[in-house]
């Protein structure tokens, strides 16, 4: 008798990869905007909704971190401090 995959097993295409970060802020923002549009459309199958939501949360955190780093750099520049910036 052939093996049937269990319902809890999802294909890689069904669930977005939540671990891979985008190469840039712009790429992350573009992917996040695309995910939001897909979620708002109501066209995603139920099994993809949770994965897309989780990926969106990862992308949101990534974009917020990038924006915070730039804001911190601007604060250093505005203070007139000429120290070398190191990314954290």
N, C-alpha and C. Protein backbone atom coordinates (compact mmCIF):
# COMPACT_ATOMS: atom_id res chain seq x y z
N UNK A 1 0.84 -1.17 0.00
CA UNK A 1 0.00 0.00 0.00
C UNK A 1 0.89 1.24 0.00
N UNK A 2 0.67 2.23 -0.90
CA UNK A 2 1.53 3.41 -0.96
C UNK A 2 1.35 4.30 0.27
N UNK A 3 2.45 4.94 0.63
CA UNK A 3 2.41 5.85 1.77
C UNK A 3 1.75 7.17 1.36
N UNK A 4 0.89 7.65 2.21
CA UNK A 4 0.21 8.93 1.99
C UNK A 4 0.80 9.93 2.97
N UNK A 5 1.25 11.11 2.50
CA UNK A 5 1.80 12.08 3.43
C UNK A 5 0.76 12.50 4.45
N UNK A 6 1.21 12.71 5.66
CA UNK A 6 0.30 13.13 6.71
C UNK A 6 -0.13 14.58 6.47
N UNK A 7 -1.30 14.96 6.96
CA UNK A 7 -1.80 16.31 6.75
C UNK A 7 -0.90 17.36 7.38
N UNK A 8 -0.16 17.02 8.42
CA UNK A 8 0.70 17.99 9.08
C UNK A 8 1.97 18.27 8.29
N UNK A 9 2.28 17.42 7.32
CA UNK A 9 3.45 17.63 6.49
C UNK A 9 3.08 18.59 5.38
N UNK A 10 3.85 19.70 5.28
CA UNK A 10 3.55 20.66 4.22
C UNK A 10 4.72 20.72 3.27
N UNK A 11 4.42 21.03 2.04
CA UNK A 11 5.48 21.14 1.05
C UNK A 11 6.21 22.45 1.25
N UNK A 12 7.48 22.54 0.78
CA UNK A 12 8.23 23.78 0.95
C UNK A 12 7.55 24.97 0.29
N UNK A 13 6.82 24.76 -0.80
CA UNK A 13 6.15 25.87 -1.47
C UNK A 13 4.94 26.35 -0.68
N UNK A 14 4.39 25.50 0.17
CA UNK A 14 3.19 25.87 0.90
C UNK A 14 3.49 26.80 2.07
N UNK A 15 4.69 26.73 2.62
CA UNK A 15 5.05 27.55 3.76
C UNK A 15 6.27 28.39 3.43
N UNK A 16 6.15 29.73 3.52
CA UNK A 16 7.31 30.57 3.25
C UNK A 16 8.43 30.30 4.25
N UNK A 17 9.66 30.47 3.81
CA UNK A 17 10.83 30.27 4.66
C UNK A 17 10.95 31.45 5.61
N UNK A 18 10.78 31.22 6.92
CA UNK A 18 10.84 32.32 7.88
C UNK A 18 12.25 32.59 8.36
N UNK A 19 13.21 31.75 8.00
CA UNK A 19 14.57 31.92 8.50
C UNK A 19 15.49 32.74 7.62
N UNK A 20 15.23 32.81 6.32
CA UNK A 20 16.11 33.53 5.41
C UNK A 20 15.77 35.01 5.40
N UNK A 21 16.77 35.84 5.68
CA UNK A 21 16.55 37.28 5.70
C UNK A 21 16.85 37.87 4.33
N UNK A 22 16.16 38.94 3.97
CA UNK A 22 16.41 39.59 2.68
C UNK A 22 17.80 40.21 2.64
N UNK A 23 18.26 40.52 1.43
CA UNK A 23 19.58 41.10 1.25
C UNK A 23 19.61 42.57 1.66
N UNK A 24 18.47 43.24 1.61
CA UNK A 24 18.45 44.67 1.93
C UNK A 24 17.10 45.05 2.53
N UNK A 25 17.05 46.26 3.07
CA UNK A 25 15.80 46.80 3.60
C UNK A 25 14.75 46.87 2.50
N UNK A 26 15.16 47.35 1.34
CA UNK A 26 14.22 47.51 0.22
C UNK A 26 13.64 46.17 -0.21
N UNK A 27 14.47 45.14 -0.28
CA UNK A 27 13.99 43.81 -0.65
C UNK A 27 13.03 43.27 0.41
N UNK A 28 13.35 43.50 1.67
CA UNK A 28 12.47 43.06 2.75
C UNK A 28 11.14 43.78 2.72
N UNK A 29 11.17 45.08 2.48
CA UNK A 29 9.94 45.86 2.42
C UNK A 29 9.07 45.43 1.24
N UNK A 30 9.71 45.18 0.10
CA UNK A 30 8.96 44.73 -1.08
C UNK A 30 8.28 43.38 -0.82
N UNK A 31 9.02 42.46 -0.21
CA UNK A 31 8.44 41.14 0.08
C UNK A 31 7.32 41.26 1.11
N UNK A 32 7.51 42.13 2.10
CA UNK A 32 6.49 42.34 3.12
C UNK A 32 5.22 42.92 2.50
N UNK A 33 5.37 43.89 1.61
CA UNK A 33 4.21 44.48 0.95
C UNK A 33 3.46 43.45 0.11
N UNK A 34 4.22 42.57 -0.55
CA UNK A 34 3.61 41.52 -1.35
C UNK A 34 2.83 40.54 -0.46
N UNK A 35 3.44 40.17 0.67
CA UNK A 35 2.76 39.26 1.60
C UNK A 35 1.47 39.87 2.14
N UNK A 36 1.53 41.15 2.50
CA UNK A 36 0.35 41.83 3.03
C UNK A 36 -0.76 41.83 1.99
N UNK A 37 -0.41 42.12 0.74
CA UNK A 37 -1.42 42.11 -0.33
C UNK A 37 -2.05 40.73 -0.49
N UNK A 38 -1.22 39.68 -0.42
CA UNK A 38 -1.74 38.31 -0.54
C UNK A 38 -2.66 37.97 0.63
N UNK A 39 -2.24 38.37 1.85
CA UNK A 39 -3.06 38.09 3.02
C UNK A 39 -4.38 38.84 2.96
N UNK A 40 -4.34 40.10 2.54
CA UNK A 40 -5.55 40.91 2.47
C UNK A 40 -6.49 40.45 1.35
N UNK A 41 -5.95 39.81 0.33
CA UNK A 41 -6.79 39.38 -0.79
C UNK A 41 -7.75 38.26 -0.39
N UNK A 42 -7.38 37.52 0.63
CA UNK A 42 -8.21 36.40 1.06
C UNK A 42 -8.13 35.20 0.13
N UNK A 43 -7.15 35.17 -0.75
CA UNK A 43 -7.04 34.10 -1.74
C UNK A 43 -6.09 32.99 -1.32
N UNK A 44 -5.37 33.15 -0.22
CA UNK A 44 -4.44 32.11 0.22
C UNK A 44 -5.20 30.95 0.86
N UNK A 45 -4.78 29.74 0.57
CA UNK A 45 -5.37 28.59 1.26
C UNK A 45 -5.07 28.66 2.75
N UNK A 46 -5.91 28.08 3.53
CA UNK A 46 -5.79 28.14 4.99
C UNK A 46 -4.43 27.67 5.48
N UNK A 47 -3.88 26.61 4.87
CA UNK A 47 -2.62 26.07 5.34
C UNK A 47 -1.44 27.02 5.07
N UNK A 48 -1.61 27.98 4.17
CA UNK A 48 -0.54 28.94 3.88
C UNK A 48 -0.65 30.22 4.71
N UNK A 49 -1.82 30.47 5.28
CA UNK A 49 -2.03 31.71 6.02
C UNK A 49 -1.07 31.86 7.20
N UNK A 50 -0.93 30.84 7.99
CA UNK A 50 -0.07 30.92 9.17
C UNK A 50 1.39 31.12 8.77
N UNK A 51 1.86 30.38 7.79
CA UNK A 51 3.24 30.52 7.33
C UNK A 51 3.51 31.92 6.77
N UNK A 52 2.55 32.44 6.03
CA UNK A 52 2.71 33.79 5.48
C UNK A 52 2.71 34.83 6.58
N UNK A 53 1.87 34.64 7.56
CA UNK A 53 1.84 35.56 8.70
C UNK A 53 3.16 35.53 9.46
N UNK A 54 3.70 34.34 9.68
CA UNK A 54 4.98 34.21 10.38
C UNK A 54 6.10 34.86 9.59
N UNK A 55 6.12 34.64 8.27
CA UNK A 55 7.14 35.27 7.42
C UNK A 55 7.01 36.79 7.49
N UNK A 56 5.78 37.28 7.49
CA UNK A 56 5.55 38.72 7.61
C UNK A 56 6.10 39.28 8.91
N UNK A 57 5.93 38.54 10.00
CA UNK A 57 6.45 38.99 11.29
C UNK A 57 7.98 39.06 11.26
N UNK A 58 8.63 38.08 10.61
CA UNK A 58 10.09 38.07 10.49
C UNK A 58 10.54 39.27 9.67
N UNK A 59 9.86 39.52 8.55
CA UNK A 59 10.22 40.64 7.68
C UNK A 59 10.00 41.98 8.38
N UNK A 60 8.92 42.09 9.14
CA UNK A 60 8.64 43.32 9.87
C UNK A 60 9.74 43.61 10.89
N UNK A 61 10.15 42.60 11.62
CA UNK A 61 11.23 42.78 12.59
C UNK A 61 12.53 43.16 11.90
N UNK A 62 12.83 42.53 10.77
CA UNK A 62 14.04 42.84 9.99
C UNK A 62 14.03 44.31 9.56
N UNK A 63 12.91 44.76 8.99
CA UNK A 63 12.81 46.14 8.52
C UNK A 63 12.90 47.13 9.67
N UNK A 64 12.26 46.83 10.78
CA UNK A 64 12.34 47.71 11.96
C UNK A 64 13.77 47.81 12.47
N UNK A 65 14.49 46.70 12.50
CA UNK A 65 15.88 46.70 12.95
C UNK A 65 16.75 47.55 12.04
N UNK A 66 16.54 47.42 10.72
CA UNK A 66 17.32 48.22 9.77
C UNK A 66 17.03 49.71 9.95
N UNK A 67 15.77 50.06 10.10
CA UNK A 67 15.40 51.46 10.31
C UNK A 67 15.99 52.00 11.62
N UNK A 68 15.96 51.19 12.65
CA UNK A 68 16.51 51.61 13.94
C UNK A 68 18.02 51.85 13.83
N UNK A 69 18.72 51.01 13.09
CA UNK A 69 20.16 51.18 12.92
C UNK A 69 20.47 52.48 12.19
N UNK A 70 19.68 52.80 11.18
CA UNK A 70 19.89 54.06 10.45
C UNK A 70 19.56 55.25 11.35
N UNK A 71 18.50 55.14 12.12
CA UNK A 71 18.14 56.22 13.06
C UNK A 71 19.25 56.44 14.07
N UNK A 72 19.84 55.37 14.56
CA UNK A 72 20.95 55.48 15.51
C UNK A 72 22.16 56.17 14.87
N UNK A 73 22.42 55.84 13.61
CA UNK A 73 23.53 56.49 12.90
C UNK A 73 23.27 57.98 12.74
N UNK A 74 22.05 58.34 12.41
CA UNK A 74 21.71 59.76 12.25
C UNK A 74 21.86 60.50 13.57
N UNK A 75 21.47 59.88 14.67
CA UNK A 75 21.63 60.51 15.99
C UNK A 75 23.10 60.78 16.28
N UNK A 76 23.97 59.85 15.91
CA UNK A 76 25.41 60.04 16.12
C UNK A 76 25.90 61.20 15.27
N UNK A 77 25.47 61.26 14.02
CA UNK A 77 25.88 62.35 13.13
C UNK A 77 25.34 63.69 13.59
N UNK A 78 24.09 63.72 14.04
CA UNK A 78 23.49 64.97 14.52
C UNK A 78 24.18 65.49 15.77
N UNK A 79 24.73 64.60 16.56
CA UNK A 79 25.42 65.02 17.78
C UNK A 79 26.81 65.56 17.48
N UNK A 80 27.24 65.49 16.21
CA UNK A 80 28.54 66.01 15.84
C UNK A 80 29.68 65.09 16.24
N UNK A 81 29.37 63.88 16.61
CA UNK A 81 30.39 62.94 17.02
C UNK A 81 31.02 62.30 15.78
N UNK A 82 32.32 62.27 15.72
CA UNK A 82 33.03 61.70 14.57
C UNK A 82 33.64 60.36 14.92
N UNK A 83 32.85 59.47 15.46
CA UNK A 83 33.36 58.16 15.78
C UNK A 83 33.00 57.17 14.68
N UNK A 84 33.75 56.11 14.55
CA UNK A 84 33.50 55.10 13.54
C UNK A 84 32.27 54.30 13.95
N UNK A 85 31.37 54.12 12.99
CA UNK A 85 30.14 53.38 13.27
C UNK A 85 30.37 51.89 13.06
N UNK A 86 29.97 51.10 14.03
CA UNK A 86 30.05 49.66 13.90
C UNK A 86 28.65 49.09 13.99
N UNK A 87 28.28 48.25 13.05
CA UNK A 87 26.97 47.63 13.07
C UNK A 87 26.90 46.62 14.20
N UNK A 88 25.75 46.58 14.84
CA UNK A 88 25.57 45.68 15.98
C UNK A 88 24.91 44.41 15.57
